[in-house]
Structure formats: structure tokens, C-alpha cells
Amino acid sequence: MENNVDNVRAQMRKGVLEYCILSILNRGEAYASSILETLKAANMIVVEGTLYPLLIRQKNQGLLSYRWEESTQGPPRKYYCITDKGREQLQEMDLAWSELVETIRTLKTQKS
């Protein structure tokens, strides 16, 4: 049973990860490592191998852009930022999330 619960949790996290990335970048630009740290601090455990393909896909969809910045501690860093299209997508996701939460709340509390 525990293994199934863990699998369900993992699938739910994957489903909202793109939403989480846009939400983080809506607060300001960030590089991949800091996005990972922010996700982990919120108990959304994600590995680099999951994050980078999502960042690339969101960039290719025009939701994100990036710029390179020299770093005093190692190689240059790629800073991601949300685009206007990404903000529009985030607004739609905010609405969809609110609707989903309300639907689940209704289903859990309605009497048969």
C-alpha cells in the first residue's frame, strides 16, 4: 500500500511541477539550482534530470526565456525568467488549480 501511495504522490507532483516552476519565476528570475532549492524547501523533491527537460519545454513553448551571467563561483549561470506568455499561462493555471481544489473539496464533502 505504501509503495502505491508514494507512486500516486510522485504522479501528482509531476502534474503540478510546470505550474510550480512558473510560480517561482513569476517572483523573479532564477537559475536552475535555485529553482531546485526553492522546490525542495517546499517539500517538492525534484532532481535535475526532471527539471531541465521541463525548463527546455517551457522555453520552447515561449513561457520562459533565459540569459547567461558570469559567476564568481564557477561557470556562467543560465538565469530563467517568465515571459508575458508564461504569465498568461500561469493565470490560466491559477484558475484551473482553484477550480480543481474546489471540485475535490465538493466531492469530499457532498453527501450521497
C-alpha atoms as a PDB file:
ATOM      1  CA  MET A   1       0.000   0.000   0.000  1.00  0.00           C
ATOM      2  CA  GLU A   2       2.769   2.434   0.948  1.00  0.00           C
ATOM      3  CA  ASN A   3       4.503   1.954  -2.412  1.00  0.00           C
ATOM      4  CA  ASN A   4       1.250   2.775  -4.243  1.00  0.00           C
ATOM      5  CA  VAL A   5       0.770   5.926  -2.142  1.00  0.00           C
ATOM      6  CA  ASP A   6       4.320   7.027  -2.965  1.00  0.00           C
ATOM      7  CA  ASN A   7       3.639   6.454  -6.668  1.00  0.00           C
ATOM      8  CA  VAL A   8       0.431   8.497  -6.507  1.00  0.00           C
ATOM      9  CA  ARG A   9       2.275  11.315  -4.727  1.00  0.00           C
ATOM     10  CA  ALA A  10       5.035  11.271  -7.363  1.00  0.00           C
ATOM     11  CA  GLN A  11       2.490  11.416 -10.199  1.00  0.00           C
ATOM     12  CA  MET A  12       0.630  14.308  -8.538  1.00  0.00           C
ATOM     13  CA  ARG A  13       3.899  16.217  -8.090  1.00  0.00           C
ATOM     14  CA  LYS A  14       4.841  15.700 -11.737  1.00  0.00           C
ATOM     15  CA  GLY A  15       1.437  17.008 -12.744  1.00  0.00           C
ATOM     16  CA  VAL A  16       1.926  20.331 -10.984  1.00  0.00           C
ATOM     17  CA  LEU A  17       5.663  20.814 -11.495  1.00  0.00           C
ATOM     18  CA  GLU A  18       5.326  23.077 -14.538  1.00  0.00           C
ATOM     19  CA  TYR A  19       2.850  25.188 -12.567  1.00  0.00           C
ATOM     20  CA  CYS A  20       5.325  25.394  -9.677  1.00  0.00           C
ATOM     21  CA  ILE A  21       8.179  26.476 -11.974  1.00  0.00           C
ATOM     22  CA  LEU A  22       6.112  29.305 -13.471  1.00  0.00           C
ATOM     23  CA  SER A  23       5.018  30.357  -9.968  1.00  0.00           C
ATOM     24  CA  ILE A  24       8.631  30.531  -8.782  1.00  0.00           C
ATOM     25  CA  LEU A  25       9.787  32.504 -11.811  1.00  0.00           C
ATOM     26  CA  ASN A  26       6.840  34.877 -11.533  1.00  0.00           C
ATOM     27  CA  ARG A  27       8.513  36.160  -8.337  1.00  0.00           C
ATOM     28  CA  GLY A  28      11.757  36.875 -10.189  1.00  0.00           C
ATOM     29  CA  GLU A  29      14.416  35.309 -12.377  1.00  0.00           C
ATOM     30  CA  ALA A  30      16.354  32.326 -11.085  1.00  0.00           C
ATOM     31  CA  TYR A  31      18.889  29.748 -12.225  1.00  0.00           C
ATOM     32  CA  ALA A  32      18.142  26.026 -12.193  1.00  0.00           C
ATOM     33  CA  SER A  33      19.913  25.247  -8.902  1.00  0.00           C
ATOM     34  CA  SER A  34      17.975  27.949  -7.060  1.00  0.00           C
ATOM     35  CA  ILE A  35      14.702  26.685  -8.592  1.00  0.00           C
ATOM     36  CA  LEU A  36      15.565  23.206  -7.269  1.00  0.00           C
ATOM     37  CA  GLU A  37      16.357  24.639  -3.817  1.00  0.00           C
ATOM     38  CA  THR A  38      13.045  26.525  -3.730  1.00  0.00           C
ATOM     39  CA  LEU A  39      11.129  23.395  -4.726  1.00  0.00           C
ATOM     40  CA  LYS A  40      12.942  21.295  -2.117  1.00  0.00           C
ATOM     41  CA  ALA A  41      12.296  23.911   0.585  1.00  0.00           C
ATOM     42  CA  ALA A  42       8.579  23.491  -0.195  1.00  0.00           C
ATOM     43  CA  ASN A  43       8.892  19.672   0.081  1.00  0.00           C
ATOM     44  CA  MET A  44       8.604  19.279  -3.690  1.00  0.00           C
ATOM     45  CA  ILE A  45      11.572  16.956  -4.172  1.00  0.00           C
ATOM     46  CA  VAL A  46      12.774  17.144  -7.768  1.00  0.00           C
ATOM     47  CA  VAL A  47      16.022  16.048  -9.377  1.00  0.00           C
ATOM     48  CA  GLU A  48      17.934  17.936 -12.059  1.00  0.00           C
ATOM     49  CA  GLY A  49      17.099  15.247 -14.610  1.00  0.00           C
ATOM     50  CA  THR A  50      13.421  16.116 -14.187  1.00  0.00           C
ATOM     51  CA  LEU A  51      13.802  19.899 -14.006  1.00  0.00           C
ATOM     52  CA  TYR A  52      15.961  20.579 -17.072  1.00  0.00           C
ATOM     53  CA  PRO A  53      13.648  18.943 -19.647  1.00  0.00           C
ATOM     54  CA  LEU A  54      10.717  20.927 -18.210  1.00  0.00           C
ATOM     55  CA  LEU A  55      12.665  24.191 -18.412  1.00  0.00           C
ATOM     56  CA  ILE A  56      13.603  23.428 -22.024  1.00  0.00           C
ATOM     57  CA  ARG A  57      10.000  22.562 -22.919  1.00  0.00           C
ATOM     58  CA  GLN A  58       8.653  25.714 -21.270  1.00  0.00           C
ATOM     59  CA  LYS A  59      11.295  27.797 -23.043  1.00  0.00           C
ATOM     60  CA  ASN A  60      10.400  26.196 -26.394  1.00  0.00           C
ATOM     61  CA  GLN A  61       6.727  26.984 -25.724  1.00  0.00           C
ATOM     62  CA  GLY A  62       7.654  30.635 -25.188  1.00  0.00           C
ATOM     63  CA  LEU A  63       6.728  30.571 -21.494  1.00  0.00           C
ATOM     64  CA  LEU A  64      10.302  31.229 -20.325  1.00  0.00           C
ATOM     65  CA  SER A  65      13.376  32.965 -21.603  1.00  0.00           C
ATOM     66  CA  TYR A  66      16.890  32.965 -20.219  1.00  0.00           C
ATOM     67  CA  ARG A  67      20.110  34.941 -20.111  1.00  0.00           C
ATOM     68  CA  TRP A  68      23.657  33.962 -19.248  1.00  0.00           C
ATOM     69  CA  GLU A  69      25.505  35.657 -16.404  1.00  0.00           C
ATOM     70  CA  GLU A  70      29.119  35.232 -15.378  1.00  0.00           C
ATOM     71  CA  SER A  71      29.553  33.694 -11.943  1.00  0.00           C
ATOM     72  CA  THR A  72      32.296  34.361  -9.414  1.00  0.00           C
ATOM     73  CA  GLN A  73      31.931  30.728  -8.299  1.00  0.00           C
ATOM     74  CA  GLY A  74      32.377  28.577 -11.381  1.00  0.00           C
ATOM     75  CA  PRO A  75      30.945  28.611 -14.889  1.00  0.00           C
ATOM     76  CA  PRO A  76      28.399  31.142 -16.179  1.00  0.00           C
ATOM     77  CA  ARG A  77      24.838  30.651 -14.959  1.00  0.00           C
ATOM     78  CA  LYS A  78      21.707  30.499 -17.071  1.00  0.00           C
ATOM     79  CA  TYR A  79      19.033  32.671 -15.438  1.00  0.00           C
ATOM     80  CA  TYR A  80      15.450  31.851 -16.401  1.00  0.00           C
ATOM     81  CA  CYS A  81      12.623  34.366 -16.359  1.00  0.00           C
ATOM     82  CA  ILE A  82       8.936  34.158 -17.133  1.00  0.00           C
ATOM     83  CA  THR A  83       7.638  35.784 -20.337  1.00  0.00           C
ATOM     84  CA  ASP A  84       4.333  37.579 -20.896  1.00  0.00           C
ATOM     85  CA  LYS A  85       3.037  34.369 -22.467  1.00  0.00           C
ATOM     86  CA  GLY A  86       4.217  32.495 -19.375  1.00  0.00           C
ATOM     87  CA  ARG A  87       2.339  34.929 -17.120  1.00  0.00           C
ATOM     88  CA  GLU A  88      -0.826  34.360 -19.163  1.00  0.00           C
ATOM     89  CA  GLN A  89      -0.314  30.600 -18.841  1.00  0.00           C
ATOM     90  CA  LEU A  90       0.243  30.991 -15.088  1.00  0.00           C
ATOM     91  CA  GLN A  91      -3.037  32.909 -14.727  1.00  0.00           C
ATOM     92  CA  GLU A  92      -4.857  30.118 -16.547  1.00  0.00           C
ATOM     93  CA  MET A  93      -3.152  27.530 -14.326  1.00  0.00           C
ATOM     94  CA  ASP A  94      -4.108  29.520 -11.199  1.00  0.00           C
ATOM     95  CA  LEU A  95      -7.743  29.397 -12.289  1.00  0.00           C
ATOM     96  CA  ALA A  96      -7.571  25.695 -13.193  1.00  0.00           C
ATOM     97  CA  TRP A  97      -5.944  24.907  -9.840  1.00  0.00           C
ATOM     98  CA  SER A  98      -8.623  26.809  -7.900  1.00  0.00           C
ATOM     99  CA  GLU A  99     -11.345  25.005  -9.829  1.00  0.00           C
ATOM    100  CA  LEU A 100      -9.707  21.621  -9.195  1.00  0.00           C
ATOM    101  CA  VAL A 101      -9.306  22.255  -5.461  1.00  0.00           C
ATOM    102  CA  GLU A 102     -12.948  23.339  -5.239  1.00  0.00           C
ATOM    103  CA  THR A 103     -14.092  20.256  -7.174  1.00  0.00           C
ATOM    104  CA  ILE A 104     -12.174  17.946  -4.844  1.00  0.00           C
ATOM    105  CA  ARG A 105     -13.491  19.793  -1.782  1.00  0.00           C
ATOM    106  CA  THR A 106     -17.043  19.396  -3.105  1.00  0.00           C
ATOM    107  CA  LEU A 107     -16.577  15.694  -3.848  1.00  0.00           C
ATOM    108  CA  LYS A 108     -15.117  15.019  -0.412  1.00  0.00           C
ATOM    109  CA  THR A 109     -17.887  16.809   1.464  1.00  0.00           C
ATOM    110  CA  GLN A 110     -21.045  16.163  -0.559  1.00  0.00           C
ATOM    111  CA  LYS A 111     -23.485  13.678   0.817  1.00  0.00           C
ATOM    112  CA  SER A 112     -24.553  10.672  -1.283  1.00  0.00           C
END
